[in-house]
Amino acid sequence: MNLHLNDVRASIDRLWNESILERLEQSAVFIALENHFRPGDRIVPGIPHVFAWYAGRPGDYSLDTLLGTKTGYNYTLAQPRFIDKFAGLPVVRNITELREVVSPAHRTWVVFAPYANLEKLSSPSVLDYLHRNGKIEFETYRAKVMLVERANEPNSIAKTP
């Protein structure tokens, strides 16, 4: 194996610059969210423990509708449910649970930094719901903050023929 010092330096520089860029993007996302957050809003971060570190506060829920991350089960909660392994947030596992999270809140912020995780960890029905009911409020090269306002969906009542 022929390793050149210049190749090693270039690799280290590239990794260092990427980590600085990622930290700057994370910080920009949280500053933007901090400026628009109102009491009563809910926050659903894509990577809850990273969000808590940069934002200085935890999110409210974690979104993982394909169950692609490690979760635990907390039976001691008022409503026992799956929780995120690292941050301990309740996990939203499907479209029904997402609607239950969004419904009582006037505004729900969905934070994905990096954005690619949204596509990896969300089912098609959840992605469709977010794209239909949400709007991108802030984005960088690899991060997006989406605002989902309470959906004014009519109650579905079975009609008799």
Protein backbone atom coordinates (compact mmCIF):
# COMPACT_ATOMS: atom_id res chain seq x y z
CA MET A 1 0.00 0.00 0.00
CA ASN A 2 1.52 3.26 -1.09
CA LEU A 3 0.16 6.09 1.05
CA HIS A 4 1.28 9.63 0.32
CA LEU A 5 1.32 12.26 3.03
CA ASN A 6 -0.42 14.74 0.73
CA ASP A 7 -3.31 12.28 0.20
CA VAL A 8 -3.69 11.84 3.94
CA ARG A 9 -3.65 15.63 4.50
CA ALA A 10 -6.25 16.14 1.75
CA SER A 11 -8.52 13.50 3.32
CA ILE A 12 -8.19 15.06 6.77
CA ASP A 13 -8.89 18.54 5.36
CA ARG A 14 -11.98 17.27 3.51
CA LEU A 15 -13.38 15.55 6.62
CA TRP A 16 -12.64 18.59 8.79
CA ASN A 17 -14.35 20.94 6.34
CA GLU A 18 -17.40 18.64 6.08
CA SER A 19 -17.76 18.50 9.86
CA ILE A 20 -17.49 22.31 10.09
CA LEU A 21 -20.11 22.66 7.33
CA GLU A 22 -22.41 20.21 9.10
CA ARG A 23 -22.06 22.07 12.42
CA LEU A 24 -22.77 25.39 10.71
CA GLU A 25 -25.84 23.96 9.00
CA GLN A 26 -27.12 22.49 12.26
CA SER A 27 -26.61 25.80 14.04
CA ALA A 28 -28.34 27.77 11.25
CA VAL A 29 -31.35 25.43 11.37
CA PHE A 30 -31.74 25.84 15.11
CA ILE A 31 -31.30 29.62 15.02
CA ALA A 32 -34.01 29.84 12.34
CA LEU A 33 -36.31 27.61 14.37
CA GLU A 34 -35.65 29.57 17.55
CA ASN A 35 -36.68 32.79 15.78
CA HIS A 36 -40.03 31.36 14.63
CA PHE A 37 -41.00 29.02 17.48
CA ARG A 38 -44.07 29.99 19.52
CA PRO A 39 -45.35 28.55 22.81
CA GLY A 40 -47.57 25.55 22.06
CA ASP A 41 -45.63 24.58 18.93
CA ARG A 42 -44.35 21.03 18.69
CA ILE A 43 -40.97 20.00 17.34
CA VAL A 44 -40.31 16.67 15.63
CA PRO A 45 -36.56 16.40 14.96
CA GLY A 46 -35.16 13.79 12.62
CA ILE A 47 -32.18 13.10 14.89
CA PRO A 48 -33.42 13.97 18.38
CA HIS A 49 -30.15 13.86 20.35
CA VAL A 50 -28.35 16.05 17.79
CA PHE A 51 -31.25 18.50 17.86
CA ALA A 52 -31.13 18.65 21.67
CA TRP A 53 -27.38 19.28 21.62
CA TYR A 54 -27.48 22.19 19.16
CA ALA A 55 -30.85 23.66 20.14
CA GLY A 56 -30.32 23.41 23.87
CA ARG A 57 -33.77 21.88 24.29
CA PRO A 58 -35.33 18.52 23.47
CA GLY A 59 -37.84 17.97 20.71
CA ASP A 60 -41.31 16.63 21.44
CA TYR A 61 -41.43 13.51 19.24
CA SER A 62 -39.17 11.52 16.94
CA LEU A 63 -40.34 10.55 13.44
CA ASP A 64 -39.47 7.02 12.29
CA THR A 65 -42.34 5.48 10.35
CA LEU A 66 -40.24 2.70 8.82
CA LEU A 67 -38.78 1.73 12.21
CA GLY A 68 -35.29 2.10 10.79
CA THR A 69 -33.65 3.25 14.03
CA LYS A 70 -33.17 1.62 17.39
CA THR A 71 -36.09 2.21 19.71
CA GLY A 72 -37.10 1.08 23.14
CA TYR A 73 -40.50 0.63 24.70
CA ASN A 74 -41.50 2.66 27.75
CA TYR A 75 -44.42 1.09 29.59
CA THR A 76 -44.23 3.64 32.43
CA LEU A 77 -45.58 6.53 30.32
CA ALA A 78 -49.22 7.60 30.73
CA GLN A 79 -49.70 6.07 27.29
CA PRO A 80 -47.04 3.34 26.88
CA ARG A 81 -45.23 3.63 23.56
CA PHE A 82 -41.98 3.23 21.66
CA ILE A 83 -39.29 5.79 22.45
CA ASP A 84 -36.13 6.96 20.72
CA LYS A 85 -33.08 5.14 22.08
CA PHE A 86 -30.85 8.19 22.51
CA ALA A 87 -33.19 11.04 23.44
CA GLY A 88 -36.09 9.14 24.99
CA LEU A 89 -38.72 10.94 22.87
CA PRO A 90 -41.94 9.17 21.88
CA VAL A 91 -41.60 7.73 18.36
CA VAL A 92 -44.19 8.53 15.69
CA ARG A 93 -44.49 5.20 13.86
CA ASN A 94 -47.22 5.74 11.27
CA ILE A 95 -49.53 8.24 9.60
CA THR A 96 -52.19 7.85 12.31
CA GLU A 97 -49.73 8.76 15.06
CA LEU A 98 -48.42 11.69 13.00
CA ARG A 99 -51.94 13.06 12.67
CA GLU A 100 -52.43 12.62 16.43
CA VAL A 101 -49.27 14.67 17.05
CA VAL A 102 -50.16 17.43 14.57
CA SER A 103 -53.86 17.68 15.42
CA PRO A 104 -53.78 19.24 18.90
CA ALA A 105 -50.86 21.55 18.10
CA HIS A 106 -51.48 24.64 16.04
CA ARG A 107 -48.03 24.31 14.50
CA THR A 108 -45.63 21.39 14.27
CA TRP A 109 -42.03 21.83 13.13
CA VAL A 110 -40.44 18.85 11.38
CA VAL A 111 -36.66 19.26 11.43
CA PHE A 112 -34.43 17.15 9.22
CA ALA A 113 -30.75 17.88 9.29
CA PRO A 114 -29.56 16.10 7.20
CA TYR A 115 -32.62 16.04 4.96
CA ALA A 116 -31.80 12.63 3.43
CA ASN A 117 -32.96 11.02 6.70
CA LEU A 118 -36.55 12.12 6.02
CA GLU A 119 -36.67 9.98 2.89
CA LYS A 120 -34.94 7.03 4.60
CA LEU A 121 -37.03 6.96 7.78
CA SER A 122 -40.50 7.85 6.51
CA SER A 123 -43.18 5.80 4.85
CA PRO A 124 -44.73 6.97 1.55
CA SER A 125 -48.00 7.93 3.28
CA VAL A 126 -46.15 10.11 5.81
CA LEU A 127 -44.06 11.76 3.10
CA ASP A 128 -47.22 12.46 1.12
CA TYR A 129 -48.94 13.94 4.19
CA LEU A 130 -45.95 16.18 4.98
CA HIS A 131 -45.61 17.40 1.40
CA ARG A 132 -49.35 18.06 1.15
CA ASN A 133 -49.81 19.78 4.55
CA GLY A 134 -46.39 21.25 5.27
CA LYS A 135 -44.26 23.95 3.80
CA ILE A 136 -40.51 24.41 3.91
CA GLU A 137 -39.76 27.42 6.11
CA PHE A 138 -35.98 27.16 6.08
CA GLU A 139 -33.45 25.09 4.20
CA THR A 140 -29.75 24.77 3.61
CA TYR A 141 -27.80 22.50 1.32
CA ARG A 142 -28.48 19.41 3.48
CA ALA A 143 -31.15 20.46 5.97
CA LYS A 144 -34.83 21.41 5.91
CA VAL A 145 -37.25 22.77 8.47
CA MET A 146 -40.88 22.11 7.58
CA LEU A 147 -43.89 23.72 9.23
CA VAL A 148 -47.07 21.66 9.39
CA GLU A 149 -50.05 23.64 10.55
CA ARG A 150 -53.07 21.95 11.99
CA ALA A 151 -54.85 20.27 9.12
CA ASN A 152 -58.46 21.29 8.65
CA GLU A 153 -59.50 17.86 7.53
CA PRO A 154 -63.18 17.04 7.70
CA ASN A 155 -64.17 14.26 10.04
CA SER A 156 -64.88 11.18 8.01
CA ILE A 157 -68.38 9.97 8.74
CA ALA A 158 -69.79 6.93 7.06
CA LYS A 159 -72.74 7.81 4.85
CA THR A 160 -75.70 5.54 4.58
CA PRO A 161 -76.78 4.71 1.05
